[in-house]
Amino acid sequence: MKVVIITGMSGAGRSRAADWFEDQGYYCVDNMPPALIDTFLEMAAADTSSIDKVAFVADLRSGGFFDRLSEEIDVLKERNGIELTVLFMEASAQEIVKRYNEVRRNHPLSGAEASESVIEEERAKLKDIKAKADYVLDTTNLKPSEMSAELDRMFYGGSGSSNFAINISSFGFKYGIPSEADVMFDVRFIPNPFWVPSLKKLTGKNKKVVEFVFKHDIANQFADSCHELLNSMIPGYINEGKYHLNIAFGCTGGHHRSVAMANAIADKFREDGMRVRVTHRDLDLQSK
């Protein structure tokens, strides 16, 4: 029997993940106390309904019962006839606060408004569970459709090192530095398309802007050096148990140079066979 335990941070998208597993034919159980997982599986195995795929959502909502989850994971991994996969979901504290504010719900750990301190407290409580996860999915920058695509790649497109993801973003310095970046590059040294009248209102996604940026040797040299540097870092991140690397490229407004460079670096990593996600934080501010 295939068994998936979906756990992780509150507000990270566990319910959406459960919906995805249900679409794949899994029998999904939400907010299952870990101590009852074993009993449910015994009942399912004895049932004539032939349940062969089950997904459990287990999280801090179950209170003191949740403390049994780590032990239950160890038991199920040793059990014959059970193919267990643990999916841990997380997101940045800022993003989780934003999501809770949008739906006006209290955080389950505090019973009050979500705050970054409460979220980091929850992250610390889940540290041991995360270490036992087979997959870690950071949903900070993911739209629902992108999250579904990531789950599809994780569960049907490979495993092992493919679990490591590279998140690349562009931003404008005048709108603030992204706090979630592990590595940040300032590309304001590249000649600016903004000062070319025909390119000013275009973005770094436009072919003409890309050609302008990369007709300069300094941009090409930087892209090659940047790719080489980051490639040398990735094995270290994986060895340290990291599941993703957040890389940000910034220019003045986040519309031209940073966008073109972020896309170029993303293409290089895709050619390497890496899982890559790209977001352009300030691109929609072009007209404002």
Protein backbone atom coordinates (compact mmCIF):
# COMPACT_ATOMS: atom_id res chain seq x y z
CA MET A 1 0.00 0.00 0.00
CA LYS A 2 1.26 3.46 -0.89
CA VAL A 3 1.06 5.82 2.09
CA VAL A 4 1.84 9.54 2.05
CA ILE A 5 2.03 11.68 5.17
CA ILE A 6 1.55 15.36 4.37
CA THR A 7 2.86 17.54 7.16
CA GLY A 8 4.68 20.82 7.71
CA MET A 9 3.96 24.46 8.36
CA SER A 10 0.48 25.83 8.90
CA GLY A 11 -0.47 27.95 5.90
CA ALA A 12 2.05 26.26 3.59
CA GLY A 13 -0.61 24.60 1.42
CA ARG A 14 -1.21 21.16 2.96
CA SER A 15 -4.92 21.21 2.06
CA ARG A 16 -4.14 21.99 -1.58
CA ALA A 17 -1.63 19.16 -1.58
CA ALA A 18 -4.28 16.79 -0.20
CA ASP A 19 -6.61 17.86 -3.02
CA TRP A 20 -3.87 16.99 -5.52
CA PHE A 21 -3.37 13.54 -4.00
CA GLU A 22 -7.12 12.95 -4.07
CA ASP A 23 -7.06 13.72 -7.79
CA GLN A 24 -4.37 11.03 -8.16
CA GLY A 25 -6.68 8.43 -6.62
CA TYR A 26 -5.49 8.58 -3.02
CA TYR A 27 -7.92 8.14 -0.14
CA CYS A 28 -7.22 11.33 1.84
CA VAL A 29 -7.70 11.83 5.58
CA ASP A 30 -7.26 15.32 7.04
CA ASN A 31 -6.02 16.11 10.56
CA MET A 32 -5.41 12.48 11.45
CA PRO A 33 -3.89 11.98 14.95
CA PRO A 34 -0.67 10.05 14.29
CA ALA A 35 -1.54 7.37 16.85
CA LEU A 36 -4.58 6.41 14.75
CA ILE A 37 -2.76 6.07 11.42
CA ASP A 38 -1.74 2.51 12.19
CA THR A 39 -5.29 1.50 13.12
CA PHE A 40 -6.70 3.07 9.95
CA LEU A 41 -4.19 1.22 7.76
CA GLU A 42 -5.08 -2.10 9.39
CA MET A 43 -8.77 -1.44 8.72
CA ALA A 44 -8.05 -0.42 5.13
CA ALA A 45 -5.97 -3.55 4.51
CA ALA A 46 -8.80 -5.75 5.79
CA ASP A 47 -11.50 -3.88 3.87
CA THR A 48 -12.84 -5.31 0.63
CA SER A 49 -12.87 -1.81 -0.91
CA SER A 50 -9.24 -2.37 -1.95
CA ILE A 51 -7.79 0.94 -0.76
CA ASP A 52 -4.22 0.86 -2.02
CA LYS A 53 -3.21 4.53 -1.80
CA VAL A 54 -3.73 6.69 1.30
CA ALA A 55 -2.63 10.24 2.12
CA PHE A 56 -2.78 11.56 5.68
CA VAL A 57 -2.58 15.25 6.62
CA ALA A 58 -0.96 15.39 10.06
CA ASP A 59 -0.05 18.66 11.72
CA LEU A 60 -0.08 20.66 14.93
CA ARG A 61 -3.88 20.97 14.89
CA SER A 62 -3.98 17.56 16.58
CA GLY A 63 -2.31 19.07 19.65
CA GLY A 64 -0.51 16.63 21.94
CA PHE A 65 -1.33 13.75 19.59
CA PHE A 66 1.09 15.24 17.06
CA ASP A 67 4.06 14.30 19.23
CA ARG A 68 3.60 10.69 18.10
CA LEU A 69 4.21 11.51 14.43
CA SER A 70 7.98 11.03 14.48
CA GLU A 71 7.62 7.63 16.11
CA GLU A 72 4.85 6.62 13.71
CA ILE A 73 7.02 7.52 10.69
CA ASP A 74 9.78 5.22 11.99
CA VAL A 75 7.30 2.37 12.51
CA LEU A 76 5.73 2.67 9.06
CA LYS A 77 9.10 2.84 7.28
CA GLU A 78 9.96 -0.59 8.71
CA ARG A 79 6.59 -2.21 8.03
CA ASN A 80 6.24 -4.75 5.25
CA GLY A 81 3.66 -3.92 2.63
CA ILE A 82 3.82 -0.18 3.30
CA GLU A 83 5.53 2.18 0.84
CA LEU A 84 5.78 5.37 2.92
CA THR A 85 6.57 8.85 1.62
CA VAL A 86 6.70 11.89 3.91
CA LEU A 87 6.02 15.27 2.31
CA PHE A 88 6.98 18.31 4.37
CA MET A 89 5.56 21.65 3.26
CA GLU A 90 6.91 25.04 4.25
CA ALA A 91 6.96 28.71 3.26
CA SER A 92 8.62 31.90 4.44
CA ALA A 93 7.26 33.52 7.61
CA GLN A 94 6.33 36.67 5.69
CA GLU A 95 4.33 34.68 3.13
CA ILE A 96 2.48 32.66 5.79
CA VAL A 97 1.55 35.83 7.69
CA LYS A 98 0.25 37.29 4.44
CA ARG A 99 -1.86 34.19 3.72
CA TYR A 100 -3.39 34.16 7.21
CA ASN A 101 -4.18 37.86 6.99
CA GLU A 102 -5.93 37.35 3.66
CA VAL A 103 -8.27 34.68 5.04
CA ARG A 104 -8.52 36.29 8.52
CA ARG A 105 -7.91 33.06 10.39
CA ASN A 106 -6.03 32.44 13.63
CA HIS A 107 -2.81 30.48 13.68
CA PRO A 108 -3.37 27.03 15.31
CA LEU A 109 -0.26 27.24 17.47
CA SER A 110 -1.22 30.50 19.21
CA GLY A 111 -4.97 30.59 18.66
CA ALA A 112 -4.50 34.22 17.67
CA GLU A 113 -3.24 36.26 14.73
CA ALA A 114 -0.35 34.79 12.80
CA SER A 115 2.97 36.50 13.50
CA GLU A 116 6.50 35.82 12.35
CA SER A 117 7.56 34.84 15.89
CA VAL A 118 4.77 32.24 16.18
CA ILE A 119 5.60 30.85 12.74
CA GLU A 120 9.29 30.52 13.59
CA GLU A 121 8.29 28.78 16.84
CA GLU A 122 6.28 26.30 14.79
CA ARG A 123 9.21 25.85 12.39
CA ALA A 124 11.46 24.95 15.34
CA LYS A 125 8.91 22.43 16.67
CA LEU A 126 8.81 20.72 13.27
CA LYS A 127 12.57 20.56 12.75
CA ASP A 128 12.86 16.84 13.59
CA ILE A 129 9.91 15.91 11.38
CA LYS A 130 11.38 17.85 8.46
CA ALA A 131 14.63 15.91 8.84
CA LYS A 132 12.70 12.66 8.24
CA ALA A 133 10.88 13.95 5.15
CA ASP A 134 11.45 12.37 1.76
CA TYR A 135 10.40 15.57 0.01
CA VAL A 136 10.37 19.18 1.17
CA LEU A 137 8.24 21.61 -0.84
CA ASP A 138 8.69 25.35 -0.33
CA THR A 139 5.49 27.04 -1.56
CA THR A 140 6.57 30.64 -0.89
CA ASN A 141 6.56 31.69 -4.53
CA LEU A 142 4.24 29.05 -5.96
CA LYS A 143 0.84 29.57 -7.52
CA PRO A 144 -1.60 26.64 -7.06
CA SER A 145 -0.94 25.39 -10.59
CA GLU A 146 2.83 25.57 -10.01
CA MET A 147 2.49 23.65 -6.74
CA SER A 148 0.59 20.91 -8.56
CA ALA A 149 3.34 20.77 -11.18
CA GLU A 150 5.98 20.44 -8.46
CA LEU A 151 4.07 17.60 -6.80
CA ASP A 152 3.77 15.89 -10.15
CA ARG A 153 7.53 16.13 -10.67
CA MET A 154 8.26 14.92 -7.14
CA PHE A 155 5.99 11.90 -7.13
CA TYR A 156 5.99 10.92 -10.78
CA GLY A 157 9.14 12.42 -12.23
CA GLY A 158 12.04 11.21 -10.11
CA SER A 159 13.57 11.37 -6.66
CA GLY A 160 16.84 11.82 -4.82
CA SER A 161 18.80 14.91 -5.88
CA SER A 162 15.85 16.05 -8.00
CA ASN A 163 14.24 17.04 -4.72
CA PHE A 164 16.62 20.01 -4.63
CA ALA A 165 15.06 23.11 -6.18
CA ILE A 166 16.56 26.38 -7.33
CA ASN A 167 14.31 29.41 -6.84
CA ILE A 168 15.41 32.37 -8.94
CA SER A 169 13.84 35.80 -8.65
CA SER A 170 14.30 39.32 -9.97
CA PHE A 171 13.59 42.50 -8.02
CA GLY A 172 14.07 46.25 -8.03
CA PHE A 173 16.31 47.79 -5.37
CA LYS A 174 14.03 50.82 -5.15
CA TYR A 175 11.26 48.52 -3.87
CA GLY A 176 13.39 46.83 -1.21
CA ILE A 177 15.66 43.82 -0.88
CA PRO A 178 13.99 40.35 -0.78
CA SER A 179 14.45 38.92 2.71
CA GLU A 180 14.13 35.29 1.61
CA ALA A 181 17.18 35.36 -0.71
CA ASP A 182 20.11 33.09 0.21
CA VAL A 183 22.30 34.66 -2.48
CA MET A 184 21.76 38.08 -4.05
CA PHE A 185 23.42 39.66 -7.08
CA ASP A 186 23.36 43.34 -8.04
CA VAL A 187 23.27 43.65 -11.85
CA ARG A 188 23.10 47.45 -12.00
CA PHE A 189 26.61 47.44 -13.53
CA ILE A 190 25.12 46.25 -16.83
CA PRO A 191 24.11 49.03 -19.28
CA ASN A 192 20.47 49.94 -18.66
CA PRO A 193 17.83 49.43 -21.42
CA PHE A 194 15.66 51.95 -19.58
CA TRP A 195 17.60 54.77 -21.24
CA VAL A 196 16.84 53.46 -24.73
CA PRO A 197 13.49 55.04 -25.74
CA SER A 198 12.30 52.04 -27.75
CA LEU A 199 13.07 49.65 -24.86
CA LYS A 200 11.98 51.76 -21.89
CA LYS A 201 8.42 50.42 -21.68
CA LEU A 202 9.38 46.81 -22.44
CA THR A 203 10.57 44.26 -19.89
CA GLY A 204 13.40 41.78 -19.57
CA LYS A 205 11.11 39.12 -21.01
CA ASN A 206 11.11 40.89 -24.36
CA LYS A 207 13.53 39.57 -26.99
CA LYS A 208 14.77 43.08 -27.85
CA VAL A 209 15.64 43.83 -24.22
CA VAL A 210 17.40 40.47 -23.85
CA GLU A 211 19.44 41.15 -26.97
CA PHE A 212 20.39 44.60 -25.67
CA VAL A 213 21.50 43.23 -22.28
CA PHE A 214 23.54 40.36 -23.69
CA LYS A 215 25.16 42.23 -26.55
CA HIS A 216 27.49 43.54 -23.84
CA ASP A 217 30.38 41.21 -23.01
CA ILE A 218 30.19 42.12 -19.35
CA ALA A 219 26.70 40.61 -19.10
CA ASN A 220 27.72 37.35 -20.75
CA GLN A 221 30.86 37.06 -18.64
CA PHE A 222 28.86 37.66 -15.50
CA ALA A 223 26.21 35.06 -16.44
CA ASP A 224 28.87 32.40 -17.07
CA SER A 225 30.77 33.23 -13.87
CA CYS A 226 27.58 33.35 -11.82
CA HIS A 227 26.45 29.96 -13.11
CA GLU A 228 29.85 28.45 -12.35
CA LEU A 229 29.90 29.91 -8.83
CA LEU A 230 26.40 28.74 -7.97
CA ASN A 231 27.08 25.27 -9.38
CA SER A 232 30.05 24.98 -7.02
CA MET A 233 27.79 25.86 -4.06
CA ILE A 234 24.87 23.52 -4.74
CA PRO A 235 26.57 20.24 -3.64
CA GLY A 236 27.36 21.89 -0.32
CA TYR A 237 23.75 22.93 0.18
CA ILE A 238 22.58 19.38 -0.58
CA ASN A 239 25.18 17.87 1.79
CA GLU A 240 23.93 20.18 4.54
CA GLY A 241 20.41 18.86 4.08
CA LYS A 242 19.07 21.94 2.28
CA TYR A 243 16.22 21.44 -0.15
CA HIS A 244 16.36 24.68 -2.09
CA LEU A 245 18.56 27.65 -2.93
CA ASN A 246 16.95 31.08 -3.28
CA ILE A 247 18.85 33.31 -5.72
CA ALA A 248 17.85 36.92 -6.39
CA PHE A 249 19.00 39.33 -9.11
CA GLY A 250 18.37 43.01 -8.58
CA CYS A 251 18.49 46.10 -10.75
CA THR A 252 17.07 49.58 -10.20
CA GLY A 253 13.41 48.93 -10.97
CA GLY A 254 13.27 45.16 -11.43
CA HIS A 255 11.94 45.44 -14.98
CA HIS A 256 14.84 44.99 -17.43
CA ARG A 257 18.32 43.78 -16.47
CA SER A 258 17.42 41.66 -13.43
CA VAL A 259 14.58 39.97 -15.33
CA ALA A 260 16.74 39.14 -18.34
CA MET A 261 19.58 37.85 -16.15
CA ALA A 262 17.29 35.79 -13.90
CA ASN A 263 15.77 34.09 -16.94
CA ALA A 264 19.21 33.47 -18.49
CA ILE A 265 20.57 31.84 -15.33
CA ALA A 266 17.39 29.78 -14.99
CA ASP A 267 17.88 28.47 -18.53
CA LYS A 268 21.44 27.43 -17.71
CA PHE A 269 20.29 25.42 -14.69
CA ARG A 270 17.46 23.81 -16.65
CA GLU A 271 20.07 22.67 -19.19
CA ASP A 272 21.90 21.10 -16.21
CA GLY A 273 18.74 19.12 -15.42
CA MET A 274 17.93 21.04 -12.22
CA ARG A 275 14.44 21.85 -10.96
CA VAL A 276 14.06 25.60 -11.36
CA ARG A 277 11.32 28.10 -10.44
CA VAL A 278 11.45 31.73 -11.58
CA THR A 279 9.50 34.71 -10.24
CA HIS A 280 9.76 38.39 -11.13
CA ARG A 281 8.69 40.20 -8.00
CA ASP A 282 8.39 43.75 -9.29
CA LEU A 283 7.51 43.20 -12.93
CA ASP A 284 3.87 44.22 -12.44
CA LEU A 285 5.00 47.59 -11.05
CA GLN A 286 6.21 48.64 -14.50
CA SER A 287 3.15 50.79 -15.13
CA LYS A 288 2.87 52.24 -11.63
